[in-house]
Amino acid sequence: MTLEIIVFTLAIVFGIVLYWRESKSNSLYRFFNKLTHAKKLQLKPETKKGFIYDQPFLMRLVWITLLFVLGAAIVTAVTPINVFFVQYFVSAIVGVLIGSYLATLIVKTGNTFKKENIKEVFEKGKDYIEDFTEDIIPEKEEIPNEPELKEKPVKKSARERFKDKGMIK
């Protein structure tokens, strides 16, 4: 059980590192894309998609599983020891998936908290608040011929009315 937890946490860290590296450069994905696709179907230069970066869940799962299958095949071919490692294999795949989604949160929110973006959001917020206050508190329009309202006479409280009737002292 302890070894599984260690593999799981290392896989999470590996997933974060893998996602972060692909967010900076997707040269390996571009290389395989050029090998497998015709010129018209290749990635555009501005596309940042990678094996894990900007991929939907199912494609991330496929690429990560393929990576670990290749790794497991190499390990079993090199080492003469036959170990039952399915639980480590699965925990590593799940850990890398979780790590990649954690890295998605880190990378995406890191891009949104730049000074220019914060100022832009602040200005938009001001505009929204002004729009709401205009709808809630309409400006008072003055009508020049409107007669002034007379003040209503102040009503006596119930206590004062009972005192007048002599019911209480």
Protein backbone atom coordinates (compact mmCIF):
# COMPACT_ATOMS: atom_id res chain seq x y z
CA MET A 1 0.00 0.00 0.00
CA THR A 2 2.83 2.41 0.84
CA LEU A 3 4.52 1.85 -2.51
CA GLU A 4 1.25 2.58 -4.29
CA ILE A 5 0.93 5.92 -2.47
CA ILE A 6 4.51 6.80 -3.39
CA VAL A 7 3.88 5.89 -7.05
CA PHE A 8 0.65 7.89 -7.02
CA THR A 9 2.23 11.07 -5.61
CA LEU A 10 5.22 10.79 -7.95
CA ALA A 11 2.81 10.34 -10.86
CA ILE A 12 0.95 13.51 -9.84
CA VAL A 13 4.22 15.44 -9.83
CA PHE A 14 5.18 13.85 -13.17
CA GLY A 15 1.81 14.88 -14.63
CA ILE A 16 2.30 18.48 -13.48
CA VAL A 17 5.82 18.61 -14.94
CA LEU A 18 4.70 16.97 -18.20
CA TYR A 19 1.80 19.39 -18.65
CA TRP A 20 3.92 22.42 -17.78
CA ARG A 21 6.64 21.37 -20.26
CA GLU A 22 4.08 20.92 -23.02
CA SER A 23 2.53 24.31 -22.27
CA LYS A 24 5.92 25.91 -22.97
CA SER A 25 6.88 23.87 -26.06
CA ASN A 26 5.07 21.19 -28.02
CA SER A 27 7.95 20.30 -30.34
CA LEU A 28 7.66 16.52 -29.80
CA TYR A 29 3.94 16.57 -30.65
CA ARG A 30 4.65 18.71 -33.73
CA PHE A 31 7.33 16.23 -34.84
CA PHE A 32 4.93 13.28 -34.64
CA ASN A 33 2.19 15.38 -36.24
CA LYS A 34 4.44 16.07 -39.23
CA LEU A 35 5.25 12.35 -39.52
CA THR A 36 1.67 11.14 -39.41
CA HIS A 37 -0.34 13.85 -41.17
CA ALA A 38 -0.44 15.27 -44.68
CA LYS A 39 0.73 18.84 -45.21
CA LYS A 40 -2.84 20.22 -45.28
CA LEU A 41 -3.78 18.44 -42.01
CA GLN A 42 -0.70 19.42 -39.98
CA LEU A 43 -0.88 21.77 -37.01
CA LYS A 44 -0.89 25.46 -37.67
CA PRO A 45 2.15 27.35 -36.30
CA GLU A 46 0.07 29.17 -33.69
CA THR A 47 -1.51 25.95 -32.32
CA LYS A 48 -0.18 25.03 -28.88
CA LYS A 49 -1.83 21.59 -28.64
CA GLY A 50 0.34 18.77 -27.27
CA PHE A 51 -0.05 15.18 -26.12
CA ILE A 52 -1.61 16.38 -22.86
CA TYR A 53 -1.83 20.16 -23.23
CA ASP A 54 -5.18 21.34 -24.67
CA GLN A 55 -6.44 17.79 -25.17
CA PRO A 56 -9.83 16.47 -24.06
CA PHE A 57 -9.97 13.87 -21.29
CA LEU A 58 -10.20 10.81 -23.53
CA MET A 59 -7.16 11.76 -25.63
CA ARG A 60 -5.15 12.53 -22.49
CA LEU A 61 -6.06 9.11 -21.15
CA VAL A 62 -5.01 7.44 -24.43
CA TRP A 63 -1.64 9.21 -24.62
CA ILE A 64 -0.80 8.65 -20.96
CA THR A 65 -1.78 4.98 -21.15
CA LEU A 66 0.31 4.54 -24.28
CA LEU A 67 3.28 6.16 -22.53
CA PHE A 68 2.99 3.81 -19.55
CA VAL A 69 2.42 0.73 -21.75
CA LEU A 70 5.65 1.53 -23.60
CA GLY A 71 7.43 2.11 -20.29
CA ALA A 72 6.10 -1.14 -18.85
CA ALA A 73 7.15 -3.07 -21.96
CA ILE A 74 10.69 -1.70 -21.68
CA VAL A 75 10.89 -2.46 -17.95
CA THR A 76 9.66 -6.05 -18.37
CA ALA A 77 12.01 -6.62 -21.30
CA VAL A 78 15.06 -5.27 -19.46
CA THR A 79 14.50 -6.80 -16.03
CA PRO A 80 14.29 -10.57 -15.61
CA ILE A 81 11.94 -10.22 -12.65
CA ASN A 82 8.28 -10.84 -13.41
CA VAL A 83 6.34 -8.59 -11.05
CA PHE A 84 2.58 -8.19 -10.82
CA PHE A 85 2.42 -4.39 -11.18
CA VAL A 86 -1.09 -3.68 -12.44
CA GLN A 87 -2.03 -1.65 -9.35
CA TYR A 88 1.10 0.50 -9.76
CA PHE A 89 0.35 0.88 -13.45
CA VAL A 90 -3.21 2.07 -12.81
CA SER A 91 -2.27 4.37 -9.92
CA ALA A 92 0.45 5.94 -12.09
CA ILE A 93 -2.01 6.61 -14.94
CA VAL A 94 -4.60 8.10 -12.59
CA GLY A 95 -1.91 10.16 -10.85
CA VAL A 96 -0.63 11.63 -14.11
CA LEU A 97 -4.20 12.50 -15.15
CA ILE A 98 -4.85 14.22 -11.83
CA GLY A 99 -1.49 15.98 -12.04
CA SER A 100 -2.24 17.23 -15.54
CA TYR A 101 -5.56 18.68 -14.43
CA LEU A 102 -3.93 20.29 -11.38
CA ALA A 103 -1.35 21.80 -13.72
CA THR A 104 -4.18 23.05 -15.93
CA LEU A 105 -5.51 25.01 -12.97
CA ILE A 106 -2.06 26.38 -12.18
CA VAL A 107 -1.12 27.34 -15.74
CA LYS A 108 -4.51 28.79 -16.70
CA THR A 109 -4.95 30.83 -13.51
CA GLY A 110 -1.34 32.00 -13.72
CA ASN A 111 -2.12 33.56 -17.08
CA THR A 112 -5.25 35.30 -15.82
CA PHE A 113 -3.61 37.07 -12.87
CA LYS A 114 -1.39 39.39 -14.89
CA LYS A 115 -1.55 43.09 -14.07
CA GLU A 116 -3.20 44.07 -17.35
CA ASN A 117 -5.89 41.42 -17.00
CA ILE A 118 -6.66 42.46 -13.44
CA LYS A 119 -7.03 46.12 -14.49
CA GLU A 120 -9.29 45.09 -17.36
CA VAL A 121 -11.48 43.00 -15.05
CA PHE A 122 -11.62 45.88 -12.56
CA GLU A 123 -12.79 48.30 -15.26
CA LYS A 124 -15.42 45.83 -16.49
CA GLY A 125 -16.61 45.42 -12.93
CA LYS A 126 -17.04 49.18 -12.60
CA ASP A 127 -19.10 49.23 -15.78
CA TYR A 128 -21.31 46.38 -14.54
CA ILE A 129 -21.87 48.12 -11.21
CA GLU A 130 -22.81 51.35 -12.98
CA ASP A 131 -25.27 49.45 -15.17
CA PHE A 132 -26.87 47.80 -12.16
CA THR A 133 -27.17 51.03 -10.18
CA GLU A 134 -28.78 52.77 -13.15
CA ASP A 135 -31.40 50.02 -13.30
CA ILE A 136 -32.02 49.87 -9.57
CA ILE A 137 -31.90 53.56 -8.73
CA PRO A 138 -33.51 55.49 -11.58
CA GLU A 139 -32.51 59.10 -11.89
CA LYS A 140 -35.11 61.52 -10.57
CA GLU A 141 -36.72 63.40 -13.37
CA GLU A 142 -38.01 66.83 -12.51
CA ILE A 143 -41.43 67.84 -13.80
CA PRO A 144 -41.75 71.62 -13.79
CA ASN A 145 -45.57 71.87 -13.46
CA GLU A 146 -45.93 69.26 -10.75
CA PRO A 147 -47.68 70.65 -7.68
CA GLU A 148 -45.82 70.19 -4.45
CA LEU A 149 -47.09 67.39 -2.30
CA LYS A 150 -48.70 68.39 0.94
CA GLU A 151 -47.32 66.83 4.06
CA LYS A 152 -49.66 64.31 5.58
CA PRO A 153 -50.79 65.02 9.12
CA VAL A 154 -48.94 62.98 11.70
CA LYS A 155 -51.12 60.20 13.04
CA LYS A 156 -51.27 59.58 16.74
CA SER A 157 -49.86 56.35 17.98
CA ALA A 158 -52.13 53.71 19.43
CA ARG A 159 -50.87 54.48 22.92
CA GLU A 160 -51.85 58.18 22.58
CA ARG A 161 -55.29 57.27 21.25
CA PHE A 162 -55.92 54.97 24.23
CA LYS A 163 -54.84 57.77 26.57
CA ASP A 164 -57.28 60.15 24.89
CA LYS A 165 -60.12 57.67 25.40
CA GLY A 166 -59.08 57.22 29.00
CA MET A 167 -58.38 53.53 28.71
CA ILE A 168 -54.82 53.83 30.02
CA LYS A 169 -53.20 56.34 32.31
